[in-house]
N, C-alpha and C. Protein backbone atom coordinates (compact mmCIF):
# COMPACT_ATOMS: atom_id res chain seq x y z
N MET A 1 -59.91 -61.19 22.14
CA MET A 1 -58.68 -60.71 21.52
C MET A 1 -58.70 -59.18 21.38
N GLU A 2 -59.87 -58.64 20.97
CA GLU A 2 -59.97 -57.20 20.76
C GLU A 2 -59.79 -56.43 22.07
N LYS A 3 -60.40 -56.94 23.15
CA LYS A 3 -60.26 -56.28 24.46
C LYS A 3 -58.81 -56.29 24.91
N LEU A 4 -58.12 -57.38 24.67
CA LEU A 4 -56.71 -57.48 25.04
C LEU A 4 -55.89 -56.47 24.24
N PHE A 5 -56.17 -56.35 22.95
CA PHE A 5 -55.45 -55.38 22.12
C PHE A 5 -55.73 -53.96 22.60
N ILE A 6 -56.98 -53.66 22.94
CA ILE A 6 -57.33 -52.32 23.41
C ILE A 6 -56.56 -52.00 24.70
N ARG A 7 -56.53 -52.95 25.62
CA ARG A 7 -55.79 -52.72 26.87
C ARG A 7 -54.30 -52.51 26.58
N PHE A 8 -53.75 -53.33 25.68
CA PHE A 8 -52.34 -53.20 25.32
C PHE A 8 -52.07 -51.86 24.65
N ALA A 9 -52.93 -51.46 23.72
CA ALA A 9 -52.75 -50.18 23.01
C ALA A 9 -52.84 -49.01 23.98
N ASN A 10 -53.81 -49.04 24.89
CA ASN A 10 -53.95 -47.96 25.88
C ASN A 10 -52.73 -47.88 26.79
N ALA A 11 -52.30 -49.03 27.27
CA ALA A 11 -51.13 -49.05 28.16
C ALA A 11 -49.89 -48.55 27.44
N THR A 12 -49.71 -48.98 26.20
CA THR A 12 -48.55 -48.56 25.42
C THR A 12 -48.59 -47.05 25.17
N ALA A 13 -49.77 -46.52 24.83
CA ALA A 13 -49.89 -45.08 24.59
C ALA A 13 -49.61 -44.29 25.87
N ARG A 14 -50.09 -44.79 27.00
CA ARG A 14 -49.82 -44.10 28.28
C ARG A 14 -48.33 -44.10 28.58
N ILE A 15 -47.70 -45.25 28.42
CA ILE A 15 -46.27 -45.36 28.72
C ILE A 15 -45.45 -44.52 27.74
N ALA A 16 -45.81 -44.56 26.47
CA ALA A 16 -45.05 -43.81 25.45
C ALA A 16 -45.12 -42.31 25.68
N GLY A 17 -46.19 -41.84 26.30
CA GLY A 17 -46.36 -40.40 26.51
C GLY A 17 -45.74 -39.86 27.78
N ARG A 18 -45.07 -40.69 28.53
CA ARG A 18 -44.47 -40.25 29.79
C ARG A 18 -43.08 -39.67 29.58
N PRO A 19 -42.71 -38.69 30.40
CA PRO A 19 -41.36 -38.12 30.31
C PRO A 19 -40.26 -39.16 30.55
N LEU A 20 -40.50 -40.10 31.45
CA LEU A 20 -39.50 -41.12 31.72
C LEU A 20 -39.21 -41.96 30.48
N THR A 21 -40.24 -42.26 29.71
CA THR A 21 -40.05 -43.03 28.48
C THR A 21 -39.18 -42.26 27.51
N PHE A 22 -39.45 -40.96 27.38
CA PHE A 22 -38.62 -40.13 26.50
C PHE A 22 -37.17 -40.13 26.98
N ALA A 23 -36.97 -39.98 28.29
CA ALA A 23 -35.62 -39.95 28.83
C ALA A 23 -34.89 -41.27 28.57
N LEU A 24 -35.59 -42.38 28.73
CA LEU A 24 -34.98 -43.69 28.46
C LEU A 24 -34.59 -43.83 26.99
N CYS A 25 -35.47 -43.40 26.11
CA CYS A 25 -35.16 -43.46 24.67
C CYS A 25 -33.97 -42.57 24.34
N LEU A 26 -33.93 -41.41 24.95
CA LEU A 26 -32.81 -40.50 24.73
C LEU A 26 -31.51 -41.14 25.20
N LEU A 27 -31.55 -41.81 26.35
CA LEU A 27 -30.36 -42.51 26.85
C LEU A 27 -29.90 -43.61 25.90
N VAL A 28 -30.85 -44.34 25.33
CA VAL A 28 -30.50 -45.40 24.38
C VAL A 28 -29.79 -44.79 23.16
N VAL A 29 -30.33 -43.69 22.65
CA VAL A 29 -29.72 -43.05 21.48
C VAL A 29 -28.34 -42.50 21.84
N LEU A 30 -28.21 -41.90 23.01
CA LEU A 30 -26.90 -41.39 23.42
C LEU A 30 -25.90 -42.53 23.61
N ALA A 31 -26.34 -43.62 24.21
CA ALA A 31 -25.45 -44.78 24.38
C ALA A 31 -25.02 -45.31 23.02
N TRP A 32 -25.96 -45.36 22.10
CA TRP A 32 -25.62 -45.80 20.74
C TRP A 32 -24.59 -44.86 20.12
N ALA A 33 -24.80 -43.55 20.26
CA ALA A 33 -23.88 -42.58 19.66
C ALA A 33 -22.49 -42.68 20.28
N VAL A 34 -22.44 -42.87 21.59
CA VAL A 34 -21.15 -42.97 22.28
C VAL A 34 -20.38 -44.21 21.84
N THR A 35 -21.09 -45.28 21.53
CA THR A 35 -20.41 -46.52 21.12
C THR A 35 -19.95 -46.48 19.67
N GLY A 36 -20.30 -45.43 18.95
CA GLY A 36 -19.88 -45.31 17.55
C GLY A 36 -18.39 -45.46 17.35
N PRO A 37 -17.56 -44.70 18.08
CA PRO A 37 -16.11 -44.85 17.91
C PRO A 37 -15.60 -46.25 18.29
N ILE A 38 -16.25 -46.86 19.28
CA ILE A 38 -15.83 -48.20 19.71
C ILE A 38 -16.01 -49.21 18.58
N PHE A 39 -17.12 -49.07 17.86
CA PHE A 39 -17.41 -49.99 16.76
C PHE A 39 -16.98 -49.44 15.41
N GLY A 40 -16.23 -48.36 15.43
CA GLY A 40 -15.70 -47.78 14.20
C GLY A 40 -16.78 -47.27 13.25
N PHE A 41 -17.89 -46.85 13.82
CA PHE A 41 -19.01 -46.33 13.02
C PHE A 41 -19.35 -47.27 11.87
N SER A 42 -19.33 -48.56 12.17
CA SER A 42 -19.52 -49.58 11.14
C SER A 42 -20.96 -49.62 10.62
N GLN A 43 -21.13 -50.37 9.55
CA GLN A 43 -22.46 -50.57 8.97
C GLN A 43 -23.38 -51.24 9.98
N THR A 44 -22.85 -52.22 10.70
CA THR A 44 -23.65 -52.93 11.70
C THR A 44 -24.09 -51.98 12.80
N TRP A 45 -23.18 -51.12 13.24
CA TRP A 45 -23.50 -50.13 14.27
C TRP A 45 -24.65 -49.24 13.81
N GLN A 46 -24.62 -48.79 12.57
CA GLN A 46 -25.69 -47.95 12.03
C GLN A 46 -26.98 -48.75 11.86
N LEU A 47 -26.84 -49.99 11.44
CA LEU A 47 -28.01 -50.84 11.21
C LEU A 47 -28.79 -51.10 12.50
N VAL A 48 -28.09 -51.17 13.62
CA VAL A 48 -28.75 -51.42 14.91
C VAL A 48 -29.77 -50.32 15.20
N ILE A 49 -29.37 -49.07 15.12
CA ILE A 49 -30.29 -47.97 15.45
C ILE A 49 -31.36 -47.82 14.37
N ASN A 50 -30.96 -47.98 13.11
CA ASN A 50 -31.94 -47.84 12.03
C ASN A 50 -33.03 -48.90 12.13
N THR A 51 -32.64 -50.13 12.34
CA THR A 51 -33.61 -51.22 12.44
C THR A 51 -34.48 -51.05 13.68
N GLY A 52 -33.86 -50.76 14.80
CA GLY A 52 -34.62 -50.60 16.04
C GLY A 52 -35.64 -49.49 15.97
N THR A 53 -35.23 -48.33 15.49
CA THR A 53 -36.17 -47.20 15.43
C THR A 53 -37.25 -47.44 14.38
N THR A 54 -36.91 -48.09 13.30
CA THR A 54 -37.92 -48.38 12.27
C THR A 54 -38.99 -49.32 12.80
N ILE A 55 -38.59 -50.36 13.48
CA ILE A 55 -39.55 -51.32 14.02
C ILE A 55 -40.44 -50.65 15.07
N VAL A 56 -39.84 -49.92 15.99
CA VAL A 56 -40.62 -49.25 17.03
C VAL A 56 -41.59 -48.25 16.42
N THR A 57 -41.12 -47.45 15.48
CA THR A 57 -41.99 -46.46 14.84
C THR A 57 -43.14 -47.13 14.11
N PHE A 58 -42.85 -48.16 13.36
CA PHE A 58 -43.87 -48.88 12.60
C PHE A 58 -44.97 -49.40 13.52
N LEU A 59 -44.59 -50.04 14.61
CA LEU A 59 -45.58 -50.60 15.54
C LEU A 59 -46.34 -49.51 16.29
N MET A 60 -45.64 -48.46 16.70
CA MET A 60 -46.29 -47.39 17.46
C MET A 60 -47.34 -46.65 16.64
N VAL A 61 -47.13 -46.53 15.34
CA VAL A 61 -48.12 -45.87 14.48
C VAL A 61 -49.47 -46.54 14.63
N PHE A 62 -49.50 -47.85 14.59
CA PHE A 62 -50.77 -48.58 14.67
C PHE A 62 -51.38 -48.53 16.06
N LEU A 63 -50.55 -48.64 17.08
CA LEU A 63 -51.06 -48.58 18.44
C LEU A 63 -51.65 -47.20 18.76
N ILE A 64 -50.93 -46.17 18.41
CA ILE A 64 -51.41 -44.82 18.70
C ILE A 64 -52.62 -44.48 17.84
N GLN A 65 -52.63 -44.92 16.60
CA GLN A 65 -53.80 -44.67 15.74
C GLN A 65 -55.04 -45.34 16.32
N ASN A 66 -54.87 -46.53 16.86
CA ASN A 66 -56.00 -47.23 17.48
C ASN A 66 -56.57 -46.43 18.64
N THR A 67 -55.71 -45.93 19.51
CA THR A 67 -56.21 -45.15 20.65
C THR A 67 -56.83 -43.85 20.18
N GLN A 68 -56.26 -43.22 19.16
CA GLN A 68 -56.83 -41.98 18.63
C GLN A 68 -58.20 -42.22 18.01
N ASN A 69 -58.36 -43.30 17.28
CA ASN A 69 -59.65 -43.61 16.66
C ASN A 69 -60.73 -43.82 17.73
N ARG A 70 -60.39 -44.56 18.78
CA ARG A 70 -61.38 -44.80 19.84
C ARG A 70 -61.68 -43.52 20.61
N ASP A 71 -60.66 -42.71 20.88
CA ASP A 71 -60.91 -41.43 21.56
C ASP A 71 -61.80 -40.53 20.73
N ALA A 72 -61.54 -40.47 19.42
CA ALA A 72 -62.37 -39.62 18.54
C ALA A 72 -63.80 -40.13 18.48
N ALA A 73 -63.98 -41.44 18.41
CA ALA A 73 -65.34 -42.01 18.37
C ALA A 73 -66.08 -41.73 19.67
N ALA A 74 -65.40 -41.87 20.80
CA ALA A 74 -66.04 -41.59 22.09
C ALA A 74 -66.40 -40.12 22.20
N MET A 75 -65.51 -39.25 21.77
CA MET A 75 -65.79 -37.81 21.81
C MET A 75 -66.96 -37.46 20.91
N GLN A 76 -67.01 -38.06 19.74
CA GLN A 76 -68.11 -37.80 18.81
C GLN A 76 -69.43 -38.25 19.41
N ALA A 77 -69.44 -39.41 20.05
CA ALA A 77 -70.66 -39.90 20.69
C ALA A 77 -71.13 -38.95 21.79
N LYS A 78 -70.19 -38.43 22.56
CA LYS A 78 -70.54 -37.49 23.62
C LYS A 78 -71.09 -36.19 23.03
N LEU A 79 -70.46 -35.69 21.98
CA LEU A 79 -70.95 -34.47 21.33
C LEU A 79 -72.34 -34.69 20.74
N ASP A 80 -72.55 -35.85 20.10
CA ASP A 80 -73.87 -36.15 19.55
C ASP A 80 -74.92 -36.18 20.65
N GLU A 81 -74.58 -36.74 21.79
CA GLU A 81 -75.52 -36.78 22.92
C GLU A 81 -75.85 -35.36 23.40
N LEU A 82 -74.84 -34.49 23.45
CA LEU A 82 -75.09 -33.11 23.87
C LEU A 82 -75.98 -32.38 22.86
N VAL A 83 -75.73 -32.59 21.57
CA VAL A 83 -76.57 -31.98 20.55
C VAL A 83 -78.00 -32.48 20.68
N TYR A 84 -78.14 -33.77 20.87
CA TYR A 84 -79.47 -34.38 21.00
C TYR A 84 -80.20 -33.85 22.23
N ALA A 85 -79.47 -33.69 23.34
CA ALA A 85 -80.08 -33.28 24.60
C ALA A 85 -80.37 -31.79 24.66
N SER A 86 -79.68 -31.01 23.85
CA SER A 86 -79.85 -29.56 23.88
C SER A 86 -81.08 -29.16 23.07
N GLY A 87 -81.94 -28.39 23.68
CA GLY A 87 -83.14 -27.94 22.99
C GLY A 87 -82.85 -26.93 21.90
N ASN A 88 -81.75 -26.18 22.03
CA ASN A 88 -81.44 -25.14 21.05
C ASN A 88 -80.62 -25.65 19.86
N ALA A 89 -80.02 -26.80 20.01
CA ALA A 89 -79.17 -27.32 18.94
C ALA A 89 -80.02 -28.00 17.88
N ARG A 90 -79.44 -28.11 16.69
CA ARG A 90 -80.14 -28.78 15.60
C ARG A 90 -79.64 -30.21 15.50
N ASN A 91 -80.58 -31.14 15.51
CA ASN A 91 -80.22 -32.55 15.48
C ASN A 91 -79.56 -32.96 14.17
N ARG A 92 -79.62 -32.13 13.15
CA ARG A 92 -79.01 -32.51 11.87
C ARG A 92 -77.50 -32.62 11.96
N PHE A 93 -76.91 -32.10 13.05
CA PHE A 93 -75.46 -32.21 13.22
C PHE A 93 -75.04 -33.57 13.77
N ILE A 94 -75.99 -34.33 14.26
CA ILE A 94 -75.66 -35.66 14.79
C ILE A 94 -75.24 -36.56 13.62
N GLY A 95 -74.07 -37.16 13.74
CA GLY A 95 -73.59 -38.10 12.74
C GLY A 95 -72.95 -37.48 11.51
N ILE A 96 -72.67 -36.17 11.54
CA ILE A 96 -72.11 -35.55 10.33
C ILE A 96 -70.70 -36.04 10.02
N GLU A 97 -70.07 -36.72 10.97
CA GLU A 97 -68.73 -37.24 10.69
C GLU A 97 -68.74 -38.30 9.60
N HIS A 98 -69.94 -38.78 9.23
CA HIS A 98 -70.06 -39.80 8.18
C HIS A 98 -70.35 -39.19 6.81
N LEU A 99 -70.45 -37.86 6.73
CA LEU A 99 -70.72 -37.20 5.45
C LEU A 99 -69.46 -37.14 4.60
N THR A 100 -69.64 -36.78 3.34
CA THR A 100 -68.48 -36.60 2.45
C THR A 100 -67.79 -35.29 2.80
N ASP A 101 -66.58 -35.13 2.29
CA ASP A 101 -65.84 -33.89 2.53
C ASP A 101 -66.59 -32.68 1.97
N ILE A 102 -67.24 -32.85 0.83
CA ILE A 102 -67.99 -31.74 0.23
C ILE A 102 -69.16 -31.35 1.12
N GLU A 103 -69.90 -32.35 1.61
CA GLU A 103 -71.04 -32.07 2.49
C GLU A 103 -70.58 -31.43 3.80
N LEU A 104 -69.47 -31.92 4.35
CA LEU A 104 -68.94 -31.31 5.57
C LEU A 104 -68.50 -29.87 5.31
N GLY A 105 -67.90 -29.63 4.15
CA GLY A 105 -67.49 -28.27 3.79
C GLY A 105 -68.66 -27.31 3.73
N GLU A 106 -69.78 -27.77 3.18
CA GLU A 106 -70.98 -26.93 3.11
C GLU A 106 -71.48 -26.58 4.50
N ILE A 107 -71.52 -27.56 5.38
CA ILE A 107 -71.97 -27.31 6.75
C ILE A 107 -71.00 -26.38 7.46
N LEU A 108 -69.71 -26.58 7.26
CA LEU A 108 -68.71 -25.73 7.89
C LEU A 108 -68.86 -24.28 7.43
N ARG A 109 -69.08 -24.06 6.14
CA ARG A 109 -69.27 -22.69 5.65
C ARG A 109 -70.50 -22.05 6.27
N GLU A 110 -71.57 -22.84 6.41
CA GLU A 110 -72.79 -22.32 7.02
C GLU A 110 -72.55 -21.94 8.49
N VAL A 111 -71.87 -22.80 9.22
CA VAL A 111 -71.60 -22.53 10.63
C VAL A 111 -70.66 -21.33 10.77
N GLU A 112 -69.67 -21.23 9.91
CA GLU A 112 -68.76 -20.09 9.96
C GLU A 112 -69.49 -18.78 9.66
N ALA A 113 -70.43 -18.82 8.71
CA ALA A 113 -71.21 -17.61 8.40
C ALA A 113 -72.04 -17.20 9.61
N ARG A 114 -72.65 -18.16 10.29
CA ARG A 114 -73.42 -17.85 11.50
C ARG A 114 -72.50 -17.30 12.59
N ALA A 115 -71.31 -17.85 12.70
CA ALA A 115 -70.36 -17.37 13.71
C ALA A 115 -69.97 -15.93 13.43
N LEU A 116 -69.76 -15.59 12.15
CA LEU A 116 -69.44 -14.21 11.80
C LEU A 116 -70.58 -13.27 12.18
N GLU A 117 -71.82 -13.71 11.95
CA GLU A 117 -72.98 -12.90 12.33
C GLU A 117 -73.01 -12.67 13.84
N VAL A 118 -72.74 -13.70 14.60
CA VAL A 118 -72.73 -13.59 16.07
C VAL A 118 -71.63 -12.63 16.51
N HIS A 119 -70.45 -12.76 15.94
CA HIS A 119 -69.33 -11.88 16.32
C HIS A 119 -69.62 -10.43 15.93
N GLU A 120 -70.21 -10.24 14.77
CA GLU A 120 -70.55 -8.88 14.32
C GLU A 120 -71.59 -8.26 15.25
N ALA A 121 -72.61 -9.03 15.62
CA ALA A 121 -73.64 -8.52 16.53
C ALA A 121 -73.02 -8.18 17.89
N ARG A 122 -72.11 -9.01 18.35
CA ARG A 122 -71.43 -8.75 19.63
C ARG A 122 -70.60 -7.47 19.53
N ARG A 123 -69.90 -7.30 18.42
CA ARG A 123 -69.08 -6.10 18.22
C ARG A 123 -69.95 -4.86 18.20
N GLN A 124 -71.10 -4.93 17.53
CA GLN A 124 -72.00 -3.79 17.48
C GLN A 124 -72.56 -3.46 18.86
N ARG A 125 -72.91 -4.47 19.65
CA ARG A 125 -73.40 -4.23 21.02
C ARG A 125 -72.35 -3.53 21.86
N ARG A 126 -71.10 -3.99 21.74
CA ARG A 126 -70.02 -3.36 22.50
C ARG A 126 -69.82 -1.91 22.07
N SER A 127 -69.92 -1.68 20.78
CA SER A 127 -69.77 -0.32 20.27
C SER A 127 -70.87 0.59 20.81
N ILE A 128 -72.08 0.08 20.84
CA ILE A 128 -73.21 0.86 21.37
C ILE A 128 -73.03 1.10 22.86
N GLU A 129 -72.57 0.09 23.59
CA GLU A 129 -72.35 0.25 25.03
C GLU A 129 -71.29 1.29 25.31
N LYS A 130 -70.23 1.33 24.50
CA LYS A 130 -69.15 2.30 24.71
C LYS A 130 -69.59 3.72 24.38
N THR A 131 -70.30 3.86 23.27
CA THR A 131 -70.69 5.21 22.83
C THR A 131 -72.01 5.66 23.42
N GLY A 132 -72.80 4.72 23.88
CA GLY A 132 -74.11 5.07 24.42
C GLY A 132 -75.13 5.40 23.35
N VAL A 133 -74.80 5.08 22.10
CA VAL A 133 -75.71 5.38 20.99
C VAL A 133 -76.30 4.10 20.45
């Protein structure tokens, strides 16, 4: 059942992201708008588009979230493998997606501080190269 759902979710996400799908949805909305005067802009006429878009949106949220979750997990596994395989990287970054927000914030501040040091050193090297001092 899970494999079937994954295939369905992937196929739906692929189809939903195509320009043709957008064009078809736009045509449906335009057809609905054009029929407004024919149906006297009645409650039923409004209910058709409201109900249809609500149902589609509700279902698409879950399908797209499923594909996003799997894509993020696959990307995280690939990044963890690169960290593990790299001799210069620190293995403590493997699995940090399971830490609390506070713990992640601490690591982020540390990494940002190191990044500032790297950028500052690069800026100083460029300055020395330009001035020759």
